[in-house]
Protein backbone atom coordinates (compact mmCIF):
# COMPACT_ATOMS: atom_id res chain seq x y z
CA MET A 1 0.00 0.00 0.00
CA PRO A 2 2.70 2.60 0.83
CA THR A 3 4.56 1.68 -2.36
CA THR A 4 1.44 2.28 -4.44
CA LEU A 5 0.84 5.61 -2.74
CA ALA A 6 4.45 6.68 -3.28
CA CYS A 7 4.28 5.67 -6.95
CA LEU A 8 1.02 7.59 -7.43
CA LEU A 9 2.51 10.64 -5.72
CA ALA A 10 5.62 10.47 -7.94
CA ILE A 11 3.49 10.26 -11.11
CA THR A 12 1.32 13.19 -9.98
CA LEU A 13 4.31 15.39 -9.11
CA GLY A 14 5.94 14.47 -12.41
CA TYR A 15 2.84 15.52 -14.34
CA ILE A 16 2.62 18.79 -12.41
CA LEU A 17 6.27 19.48 -13.21
CA LEU A 18 5.62 18.66 -16.87
CA CYS A 19 2.67 21.09 -16.96
CA VAL A 20 4.87 23.83 -15.50
CA VAL A 21 7.84 23.25 -17.80
CA ALA A 22 5.96 22.44 -21.03
CA PRO A 23 2.30 23.57 -20.83
CA PHE A 24 1.64 22.84 -24.51
CA ARG A 25 1.66 19.46 -26.25
CA THR A 26 1.47 18.66 -29.93
CA CYS A 27 -1.99 18.29 -31.38
CA ARG A 28 -3.02 14.66 -31.83
CA LEU A 29 -5.24 15.37 -34.81
CA CYS A 30 -2.66 17.06 -37.04
CA ASN A 31 0.53 15.76 -35.32
CA GLY A 32 1.74 19.30 -34.68
CA LEU A 33 1.56 20.49 -38.28
CA GLY A 34 -1.45 22.76 -37.79
CA PHE A 35 -3.16 21.54 -40.93
CA ALA A 36 -4.31 18.35 -42.58
CA LEU A 37 -2.16 16.87 -45.34
CA ARG A 38 -3.87 16.27 -48.65
CA THR A 39 -2.57 14.92 -51.91
CA ASP A 40 -2.94 16.54 -55.28
CA ARG A 41 -3.65 14.68 -58.51
CA ARG A 42 -0.04 13.65 -58.89
CA GLY A 43 0.10 12.20 -55.38
CA ARG A 44 2.25 14.94 -53.86
CA PRO A 45 1.33 16.05 -50.34
CA THR A 46 -0.11 19.57 -50.13
CA ARG A 47 -1.36 21.75 -47.34
CA GLY A 48 -5.03 21.24 -46.46
CA ARG A 49 -7.41 23.05 -44.16
CA PRO A 50 -6.31 24.37 -40.76
CA CYS A 51 -6.82 21.91 -37.92
CA ARG A 52 -10.10 22.25 -36.02
CA ARG A 53 -8.68 21.12 -32.69
CA CYS A 54 -5.66 23.42 -32.45
CA HIS A 55 -6.93 26.15 -34.85
CA GLY A 56 -3.86 25.83 -37.06
CA ASN A 57 -1.42 26.33 -34.20
CA GLY A 58 -0.13 22.77 -33.97
CA ARG A 59 -0.06 22.89 -30.19
CA HIS A 60 -2.69 22.11 -27.59
CA LEU A 61 -2.87 23.13 -23.92
CA ARG A 62 -2.40 20.23 -21.49
CA THR A 63 -5.35 19.22 -19.31
CA GLY A 64 -3.47 19.83 -16.06
CA ARG A 65 -2.42 23.30 -17.16
CA ARG A 66 -5.99 24.11 -18.20
CA ALA A 67 -7.24 23.03 -14.74
CA TYR A 68 -4.58 25.16 -13.03
CA GLU A 69 -5.46 28.24 -15.08
CA LEU A 70 -9.18 27.76 -14.33
CA ALA A 71 -8.47 27.53 -10.60
CA ALA A 72 -6.21 30.61 -10.76
CA ARG A 73 -8.87 32.56 -12.67
CA ILE A 74 -11.57 31.63 -10.12
CA HIS A 75 -9.27 32.63 -7.26
CA HIS A 76 -8.39 35.91 -8.97
CA HIS A 77 -12.03 36.88 -9.47
CA ALA A 78 -13.13 35.73 -5.99
CA THR A 79 -10.56 37.59 -3.89
CA PRO A 80 -10.81 41.32 -3.32
CA HIS A 81 -7.94 43.29 -4.74
CA LEU A 82 -6.21 45.78 -2.51
CA ARG A 83 -4.67 48.83 -4.06
CA LYS A 84 -0.96 49.26 -3.55
CA GLY A 85 0.51 52.68 -2.97
CA PRO A 86 -1.12 56.06 -2.48
CA ARG A 87 -4.38 56.94 -4.17
């Protein structure tokens, strides 16, 4: 039981570290290209439409980073802001 808990904790901390260091991942739909590959009549690959999932960017925000930003946004809007310095 303690080994399982330690392993789960290590995986969770590793994912949190990954979300901090690299918040974006490559899009699974277009493989990071930002568009779909099509072939012309001669069989050569050409650029297709922009990807719907990543909007032509080729990168996608990780789920953990999206959850962190949502929590930070809720906290930002829920706490009163104090002015710093003289008025």
